[in-house]
PDB file of N, CA and C in Angstrom:
ATOM      1  N   MET A   1      31.262 -12.061  16.800  1.00  0.00           N
ATOM      2  CA  MET A   1      29.887 -12.469  16.669  1.00  0.00           C
ATOM      3  C   MET A   1      29.012 -11.220  16.720  1.00  0.00           C
ATOM      4  N   LYS A   2      28.084 -11.101  15.797  1.00  0.00           N
ATOM      5  CA  LYS A   2      27.148  -9.994  15.791  1.00  0.00           C
ATOM      6  C   LYS A   2      25.980 -10.333  16.695  1.00  0.00           C
ATOM      7  N   LYS A   3      25.518  -9.316  17.407  1.00  0.00           N
ATOM      8  CA  LYS A   3      24.369  -9.501  18.281  1.00  0.00           C
ATOM      9  C   LYS A   3      23.259  -8.582  17.829  1.00  0.00           C
ATOM     10  N   LEU A   4      22.065  -9.059  17.875  1.00  0.00           N
ATOM     11  CA  LEU A   4      20.901  -8.265  17.537  1.00  0.00           C
ATOM     12  C   LEU A   4      20.388  -7.615  18.817  1.00  0.00           C
ATOM     13  N   ILE A   5      20.337  -6.288  18.835  1.00  0.00           N
ATOM     14  CA  ILE A   5      19.835  -5.596  20.010  1.00  0.00           C
ATOM     15  C   ILE A   5      18.686  -4.681  19.585  1.00  0.00           C
ATOM     16  N   GLU A   6      17.806  -4.412  20.507  1.00  0.00           N
ATOM     17  CA  GLU A   6      16.682  -3.536  20.253  1.00  0.00           C
ATOM     18  C   GLU A   6      17.023  -2.139  20.760  1.00  0.00           C
ATOM     19  N   VAL A   7      16.879  -1.154  19.906  1.00  0.00           N
ATOM     20  CA  VAL A   7      17.179   0.222  20.259  1.00  0.00           C
ATOM     21  C   VAL A   7      15.874   0.997  20.324  1.00  0.00           C
ATOM     22  N   GLU A   8      15.673   1.686  21.436  1.00  0.00           N
ATOM     23  CA  GLU A   8      14.470   2.483  21.597  1.00  0.00           C
ATOM     24  C   GLU A   8      14.726   3.870  21.012  1.00  0.00           C
ATOM     25  N   GLU A   9      14.006   4.209  19.955  1.00  0.00           N
ATOM     26  CA  GLU A   9      14.154   5.503  19.321  1.00  0.00           C
ATOM     27  C   GLU A   9      13.139   6.471  19.907  1.00  0.00           C
ATOM     28  N   LYS A  10      13.593   7.658  20.232  1.00  0.00           N
ATOM     29  CA  LYS A  10      12.699   8.665  20.768  1.00  0.00           C
ATOM     30  C   LYS A  10      12.086   9.437  19.619  1.00  0.00           C
ATOM     31  N   SER A  11      10.810   9.746  19.767  1.00  0.00           N
ATOM     32  CA  SER A  11      10.135  10.516  18.731  1.00  0.00           C
ATOM     33  C   SER A  11       9.224  11.531  19.408  1.00  0.00           C
ATOM     34  N   GLY A  12       8.640  12.403  18.627  1.00  0.00           N
ATOM     35  CA  GLY A  12       7.717  13.390  19.166  1.00  0.00           C
ATOM     36  C   GLY A  12       8.394  14.313  20.156  1.00  0.00           C
ATOM     37  N   LEU A  13       7.694  14.648  21.219  1.00  0.00           N
ATOM     38  CA  LEU A  13       8.222  15.563  22.227  1.00  0.00           C
ATOM     39  C   LEU A  13       9.495  15.034  22.882  1.00  0.00           C
ATOM     40  N   GLU A  14       9.570  13.749  23.112  1.00  0.00           N
ATOM     41  CA  GLU A  14      10.763  13.184  23.755  1.00  0.00           C
ATOM     42  C   GLU A  14      12.022  13.462  22.952  1.00  0.00           C
ATOM     43  N   SER A  15      11.913  13.518  21.640  1.00  0.00           N
ATOM     44  CA  SER A  15      13.090  13.772  20.810  1.00  0.00           C
ATOM     45  C   SER A  15      13.562  15.220  20.929  1.00  0.00           C
ATOM     46  N   LEU A  16      12.743  16.092  21.503  1.00  0.00           N
ATOM     47  CA  LEU A  16      13.085  17.507  21.658  1.00  0.00           C
ATOM     48  C   LEU A  16      13.524  17.865  23.075  1.00  0.00           C
ATOM     49  N   MET A  17      13.707  16.867  23.941  1.00  0.00           N
ATOM     50  CA  MET A  17      14.123  17.131  25.322  1.00  0.00           C
ATOM     51  C   MET A  17      15.421  17.944  25.332  1.00  0.00           C
ATOM     52  N   GLY A  18      15.438  18.989  26.169  1.00  0.00           N
ATOM     53  CA  GLY A  18      16.606  19.842  26.296  1.00  0.00           C
ATOM     54  C   GLY A  18      16.653  20.966  25.282  1.00  0.00           C
ATOM     55  N   GLU A  19      15.741  20.961  24.328  1.00  0.00           N
ATOM     56  CA  GLU A  19      15.705  21.986  23.280  1.00  0.00           C
ATOM     57  C   GLU A  19      14.711  23.084  23.657  1.00  0.00           C
ATOM     58  N   ARG A  20      14.919  24.270  23.097  1.00  0.00           N
ATOM     59  CA  ARG A  20      13.951  25.355  23.247  1.00  0.00           C
ATOM     60  C   ARG A  20      12.884  25.143  22.182  1.00  0.00           C
ATOM     61  N   ILE A  21      11.636  24.949  22.613  1.00  0.00           N
ATOM     62  CA  ILE A  21      10.551  24.665  21.688  1.00  0.00           C
ATOM     63  C   ILE A  21       9.447  25.710  21.830  1.00  0.00           C
ATOM     64  N   THR A  22       8.556  25.706  20.872  1.00  0.00           N
ATOM     65  CA  THR A  22       7.383  26.568  20.896  1.00  0.00           C
ATOM     66  C   THR A  22       6.153  25.688  20.815  1.00  0.00           C
ATOM     67  N   LEU A  23       5.157  25.993  21.656  1.00  0.00           N
ATOM     68  CA  LEU A  23       3.910  25.243  21.693  1.00  0.00           C
ATOM     69  C   LEU A  23       2.762  26.155  21.287  1.00  0.00           C
ATOM     70  N   PHE A  24       2.046  25.769  20.261  1.00  0.00           N
ATOM     71  CA  PHE A  24       0.847  26.483  19.848  1.00  0.00           C
ATOM     72  C   PHE A  24      -0.321  25.769  20.517  1.00  0.00           C
ATOM     73  N   CYS A  25      -0.910  26.431  21.498  1.00  0.00           N
ATOM     74  CA  CYS A  25      -1.976  25.825  22.288  1.00  0.00           C
ATOM     75  C   CYS A  25      -3.329  26.436  21.920  1.00  0.00           C
ATOM     76  N   VAL A  26      -4.376  25.932  22.535  1.00  0.00           N
ATOM     77  CA  VAL A  26      -5.735  26.369  22.237  1.00  0.00           C
ATOM     78  C   VAL A  26      -5.869  27.886  22.349  1.00  0.00           C
ATOM     79  N   ASN A  27      -5.361  28.492  23.411  1.00  0.00           N
ATOM     80  CA  ASN A  27      -5.538  29.929  23.619  1.00  0.00           C
ATOM     81  C   ASN A  27      -4.252  30.753  23.514  1.00  0.00           C
ATOM     82  N   TYR A  28      -3.106  30.151  23.787  1.00  0.00           N
ATOM     83  CA  TYR A  28      -1.860  30.912  23.843  1.00  0.00           C
ATOM     84  C   TYR A  28      -0.741  30.193  23.117  1.00  0.00           C
ATOM     85  N   ILE A  29       0.366  30.904  22.941  1.00  0.00           N
ATOM     86  CA  ILE A  29       1.593  30.328  22.400  1.00  0.00           C
ATOM     87  C   ILE A  29       2.640  30.436  23.507  1.00  0.00           C
ATOM     88  N   TYR A  30       3.318  29.323  23.788  1.00  0.00           N
ATOM     89  CA  TYR A  30       4.357  29.298  24.816  1.00  0.00           C
ATOM     90  C   TYR A  30       5.676  28.867  24.194  1.00  0.00           C
ATOM     91  N   THR A  31       6.763  29.303  24.803  1.00  0.00           N
ATOM     92  CA  THR A  31       8.084  28.856  24.386  1.00  0.00           C
ATOM     93  C   THR A  31       8.926  28.620  25.635  1.00  0.00           C
ATOM     94  N   GLY A  32       9.886  27.747  25.548  1.00  0.00           N
ATOM     95  CA  GLY A  32      10.763  27.459  26.677  1.00  0.00           C
ATOM     96  C   GLY A  32      11.568  26.200  26.416  1.00  0.00           C
ATOM     97  N   LYS A  33      12.464  25.894  27.334  1.00  0.00           N
ATOM     98  CA  LYS A  33      13.300  24.696  27.223  1.00  0.00           C
ATOM     99  C   LYS A  33      12.509  23.502  27.760  1.00  0.00           C
ATOM    100  N   LEU A  34      12.328  22.494  26.934  1.00  0.00           N
ATOM    101  CA  LEU A  34      11.587  21.297  27.324  1.00  0.00           C
ATOM    102  C   LEU A  34      12.433  20.453  28.268  1.00  0.00           C
ATOM    103  N   ILE A  35      11.972  20.319  29.517  1.00  0.00           N
ATOM    104  CA  ILE A  35      12.747  19.538  30.489  1.00  0.00           C
ATOM    105  C   ILE A  35      11.976  18.344  31.044  1.00  0.00           C
ATOM    106  N   GLY A  36      10.702  18.214  30.678  1.00  0.00           N
ATOM    107  CA  GLY A  36       9.924  17.080  31.153  1.00  0.00           C
ATOM    108  C   GLY A  36       8.730  16.811  30.269  1.00  0.00           C
ATOM    109  N   VAL A  37       8.403  15.535  30.126  1.00  0.00           N
ATOM    110  CA  VAL A  37       7.226  15.146  29.349  1.00  0.00           C
ATOM    111  C   VAL A  37       6.709  13.805  29.870  1.00  0.00           C
ATOM    112  N   ASN A  38       5.396  13.709  30.003  1.00  0.00           N
ATOM    113  CA  ASN A  38       4.779  12.426  30.312  1.00  0.00           C
ATOM    114  C   ASN A  38       3.492  12.315  29.496  1.00  0.00           C
ATOM    115  N   THR A  39       2.619  11.415  29.831  1.00  0.00           N
ATOM    116  CA  THR A  39       1.421  11.194  29.018  1.00  0.00           C
ATOM    117  C   THR A  39       0.391  12.309  29.138  1.00  0.00           C
ATOM    118  N   ASP A  40       0.480  13.143  30.182  1.00  0.00           N
ATOM    119  CA  ASP A  40      -0.526  14.175  30.409  1.00  0.00           C
ATOM    120  C   ASP A  40      -0.035  15.606  30.259  1.00  0.00           C
ATOM    121  N   GLN A  41       1.243  15.851  30.524  1.00  0.00           N
ATOM    122  CA  GLN A  41       1.727  17.228  30.541  1.00  0.00           C
ATOM    123  C   GLN A  41       3.198  17.315  30.185  1.00  0.00           C
ATOM    124  N   ILE A  42       3.608  18.547  29.888  1.00  0.00           N
ATOM    125  CA  ILE A  42       5.022  18.806  29.637  1.00  0.00           C
ATOM    126  C   ILE A  42       5.484  19.904  30.591  1.00  0.00           C
ATOM    127  N   LEU A  43       6.778  19.991  30.793  1.00  0.00           N
ATOM    128  CA  LEU A  43       7.357  20.978  31.692  1.00  0.00           C
ATOM    129  C   LEU A  43       8.374  21.806  30.931  1.00  0.00           C
ATOM    130  N   LEU A  44       8.189  23.139  30.981  1.00  0.00           N
ATOM    131  CA  LEU A  44       9.115  24.070  30.337  1.00  0.00           C
ATOM    132  C   LEU A  44       9.924  24.817  31.384  1.00  0.00           C
ATOM    133  N   GLU A  45      11.217  24.958  31.114  1.00  0.00           N
ATOM    134  CA  GLU A  45      12.114  25.766  31.934  1.00  0.00           C
ATOM    135  C   GLU A  45      12.323  27.084  31.191  1.00  0.00           C
ATOM    136  N   GLU A  46      12.469  28.176  31.941  1.00  0.00           N
ATOM    137  CA  GLU A  46      12.617  29.514  31.364  1.00  0.00           C
ATOM    138  C   GLU A  46      11.512  29.793  30.340  1.00  0.00           C
ATOM    139  N   PRO A  47      10.251  29.596  30.756  1.00  0.00           N
ATOM    140  CA  PRO A  47       9.143  29.748  29.819  1.00  0.00           C
ATOM    141  C   PRO A  47       8.800  31.207  29.537  1.00  0.00           C
ATOM    142  N   ALA A  48       8.134  31.404  28.421  1.00  0.00           N
ATOM    143  CA  ALA A  48       7.602  32.716  28.056  1.00  0.00           C
ATOM    144  C   ALA A  48       6.276  32.500  27.358  1.00  0.00           C
ATOM    145  N   ILE A  49       5.397  33.473  27.467  1.00  0.00           N
ATOM    146  CA  ILE A  49       4.139  33.460  26.742  1.00  0.00           C
ATOM    147  C   ILE A  49       4.280  34.465  25.605  1.00  0.00           C
ATOM    148  N   ILE A  50       3.859  34.074  24.429  1.00  0.00           N
ATOM    149  CA  ILE A  50       4.005  34.899  23.237  1.00  0.00           C
ATOM    150  C   ILE A  50       2.678  35.608  22.986  1.00  0.00           C
ATOM    151  N   TYR A  51       2.679  36.930  23.127  1.00  0.00           N
ATOM    152  CA  TYR A  51       1.462  37.695  22.868  1.00  0.00           C
ATOM    153  C   TYR A  51       1.389  38.180  21.428  1.00  0.00           C
ATOM    154  N   GLU A  52       2.546  38.367  20.803  1.00  0.00           N
ATOM    155  CA  GLU A  52       2.577  38.775  19.398  1.00  0.00           C
ATOM    156  C   GLU A  52       3.804  38.147  18.751  1.00  0.00           C
ATOM    157  N   THR A  53       3.606  37.415  17.673  1.00  0.00           N
ATOM    158  CA  THR A  53       4.711  36.679  17.064  1.00  0.00           C
ATOM    159  C   THR A  53       5.607  37.553  16.201  1.00  0.00           C
ATOM    160  N   GLY A  54       5.038  38.487  15.477  1.00  0.00           N
ATOM    161  CA  GLY A  54       5.818  39.184  14.462  1.00  0.00           C
ATOM    162  C   GLY A  54       6.058  38.229  13.317  1.00  0.00           C
ATOM    163  N   ALA A  55       6.966  38.557  12.434  1.00  0.00           N
ATOM    164  CA  ALA A  55       7.266  37.693  11.290  1.00  0.00           C
ATOM    165  C   ALA A  55       7.984  36.427  11.756  1.00  0.00           C
ATOM    166  N   PHE A  56       7.598  35.301  11.217  1.00  0.00           N
ATOM    167  CA  PHE A  56       8.242  34.041  11.592  1.00  0.00           C
ATOM    168  C   PHE A  56       9.638  33.916  10.999  1.00  0.00           C
ATOM    169  N   THR A  57      10.004  34.800  10.094  1.00  0.00           N
ATOM    170  CA  THR A  57      11.336  34.774   9.488  1.00  0.00           C
ATOM    171  C   THR A  57      12.388  35.480  10.340  1.00  0.00           C
ATOM    172  N   THR A  58      11.948  36.195  11.395  1.00  0.00           N
ATOM    173  CA  THR A  58      12.896  36.862  12.279  1.00  0.00           C
ATOM    174  C   THR A  58      13.346  35.912  13.376  1.00  0.00           C
ATOM    175  N   SER A  59      14.423  36.255  14.059  1.00  0.00           N
ATOM    176  CA  SER A  59      14.978  35.365  15.085  1.00  0.00           C
ATOM    177  C   SER A  59      14.370  35.579  16.471  1.00  0.00           C
ATOM    178  N   GLU A  60      13.599  36.634  16.646  1.00  0.00           N
ATOM    179  CA  GLU A  60      13.005  36.942  17.951  1.00  0.00           C
ATOM    180  C   GLU A  60      11.485  37.105  17.816  1.00  0.00           C
ATOM    181  N   TRP A  61      10.779  36.838  18.913  1.00  0.00           N
ATOM    182  CA  TRP A  61       9.343  37.102  18.963  1.00  0.00           C
ATOM    183  C   TRP A  61       9.128  38.600  19.145  1.00  0.00           C
ATOM    184  N   LYS A  62       8.065  39.127  18.586  1.00  0.00           N
ATOM    185  CA  LYS A  62       7.786  40.559  18.715  1.00  0.00           C
ATOM    186  C   LYS A  62       7.425  40.919  20.156  1.00  0.00           C
ATOM    187  N   ASP A  63       6.589  40.087  20.812  1.00  0.00           N
ATOM    188  CA  ASP A  63       6.225  40.330  22.212  1.00  0.00           C
ATOM    189  C   ASP A  63       6.157  39.009  22.971  1.00  0.00           C
ATOM    190  N   ALA A  64       7.271  38.639  23.600  1.00  0.00           N
ATOM    191  CA  ALA A  64       7.354  37.441  24.435  1.00  0.00           C
ATOM    192  C   ALA A  64       7.595  37.876  25.865  1.00  0.00           C
ATOM    193  N   GLN A  65       6.698  37.492  26.759  1.00  0.00           N
ATOM    194  CA  GLN A  65       6.805  37.869  28.164  1.00  0.00           C
ATOM    195  C   GLN A  65       7.316  36.684  28.983  1.00  0.00           C
ATOM    196  N   ALA A  66       8.483  36.860  29.592  1.00  0.00           N
ATOM    197  CA  ALA A  66       9.066  35.796  30.415  1.00  0.00           C
ATOM    198  C   ALA A  66       8.176  35.522  31.622  1.00  0.00           C
ATOM    199  N   LEU A  67       8.054  34.261  31.975  1.00  0.00           N
ATOM    200  CA  LEU A  67       7.310  33.851  33.163  1.00  0.00           C
ATOM    201  C   LEU A  67       8.312  33.541  34.271  1.00  0.00           C
ATOM    202  N   PRO A  68       7.938  33.785  35.529  1.00  0.00           N
ATOM    203  CA  PRO A  68       8.925  33.721  36.614  1.00  0.00           C
ATOM    204  C   PRO A  68       9.357  32.324  37.060  1.00  0.00           C
ATOM    205  N   HIS A  69       8.602  31.288  36.694  1.00  0.00           N
ATOM    206  CA  HIS A  69       8.912  29.936  37.182  1.00  0.00           C
ATOM    207  C   HIS A  69       8.708  28.921  36.067  1.00  0.00           C
ATOM    208  N   GLU A  70       9.122  27.692  36.315  1.00  0.00           N
ATOM    209  CA  GLU A  70       8.853  26.608  35.371  1.00  0.00           C
ATOM    210  C   GLU A  70       7.348  26.529  35.125  1.00  0.00           C
ATOM    211  N   LEU A  71       6.970  26.032  33.961  1.00  0.00           N
ATOM    212  CA  LEU A  71       5.564  26.017  33.575  1.00  0.00           C
ATOM    213  C   LEU A  71       5.153  24.630  33.094  1.00  0.00           C
ATOM    214  N   TYR A  72       4.059  24.117  33.657  1.00  0.00           N
ATOM    215  CA  TYR A  72       3.463  22.866  33.206  1.00  0.00           C
ATOM    216  C   TYR A  72       2.349  23.188  32.219  1.00  0.00           C
ATOM    217  N   ILE A  73       2.299  22.452  31.126  1.00  0.00           N
ATOM    218  CA  ILE A  73       1.259  22.644  30.124  1.00  0.00           C
ATOM    219  C   ILE A  73       0.605  21.298  29.845  1.00  0.00           C
ATOM    220  N   ARG A  74      -0.719  21.276  29.866  1.00  0.00           N
ATOM    221  CA  ARG A  74      -1.461  20.053  29.592  1.00  0.00           C
ATOM    222  C   ARG A  74      -1.366  19.717  28.107  1.00  0.00           C
ATOM    223  N   LEU A  75      -1.048  18.498  27.793  1.00  0.00           N
ATOM    224  CA  LEU A  75      -0.948  18.081  26.393  1.00  0.00           C
ATOM    225  C   LEU A  75      -2.269  18.205  25.658  1.00  0.00           C
ATOM    226  N   SER A  76      -3.371  18.098  26.378  1.00  0.00           N
ATOM    227  CA  SER A  76      -4.684  18.205  25.735  1.00  0.00           C
ATOM    228  C   SER A  76      -4.924  19.598  25.151  1.00  0.00           C
ATOM    229  N   ALA A  77      -4.155  20.593  25.585  1.00  0.00           N
ATOM    230  CA  ALA A  77      -4.306  21.974  25.074  1.00  0.00           C
ATOM    231  C   ALA A  77      -3.369  22.266  23.907  1.00  0.00           C
ATOM    232  N   VAL A  78      -2.425  21.373  23.635  1.00  0.00           N
ATOM    233  CA  VAL A  78      -1.414  21.621  22.593  1.00  0.00           C
ATOM    234  C   VAL A  78      -1.962  21.220  21.224  1.00  0.00           C
ATOM    235  N   GLU A  79      -1.901  22.179  20.284  1.00  0.00           N
ATOM    236  CA  GLU A  79      -2.322  21.904  18.912  1.00  0.00           C
ATOM    237  C   GLU A  79      -1.143  21.514  18.042  1.00  0.00           C
ATOM    238  N   SER A  80       0.002  22.171  18.227  1.00  0.00           N
ATOM    239  CA  SER A  80       1.217  21.840  17.485  1.00  0.00           C
ATOM    240  C   SER A  80       2.428  22.341  18.257  1.00  0.00           C
ATOM    241  N   TYR A  81       3.612  21.832  17.902  1.00  0.00           N
ATOM    242  CA  TYR A  81       4.833  22.209  18.611  1.00  0.00           C
ATOM    243  C   TYR A  81       6.036  21.995  17.716  1.00  0.00           C
ATOM    244  N   GLY A  82       7.145  22.594  18.114  1.00  0.00           N
ATOM    245  CA  GLY A  82       8.382  22.379  17.384  1.00  0.00           C
ATOM    246  C   GLY A  82       9.406  23.430  17.708  1.00  0.00           C
ATOM    247  N   LYS A  83      10.551  23.349  17.047  1.00  0.00           N
ATOM    248  CA  LYS A  83      11.611  24.346  17.190  1.00  0.00           C
ATOM    249  C   LYS A  83      11.328  25.414  16.144  1.00  0.00           C
ATOM    250  N   VAL A  84      10.770  26.535  16.567  1.00  0.00           N
ATOM    251  CA  VAL A  84      10.335  27.566  15.635  1.00  0.00           C
ATOM    252  C   VAL A  84      11.359  28.686  15.522  1.00  0.00           C
ATOM    253  N   LYS A  85      11.867  29.182  16.629  1.00  0.00           N
ATOM    254  CA  LYS A  85      12.830  30.287  16.607  1.00  0.00           C
ATOM    255  C   LYS A  85      14.054  29.911  17.403  1.00  0.00           C
TER     256      LYS A  85
END
């Protein structure tokens, strides 16, 4: 017998959980492993702030400064995000 079940599909930031992502925010660019997301903020592990991107075709940022602890970022400051490098 076939059963009809409802499957919850993850989209947006939730679909990137556990991935290293880049966030283009109002003032800065951040990168790190996405380990948390809710309606107001996201949490990055091993975060870095990008001061200079360099060419987007390269595999590394030209100037990425590692931050010493996990970083919370307000979603209201995020303009775009994704797996960039």
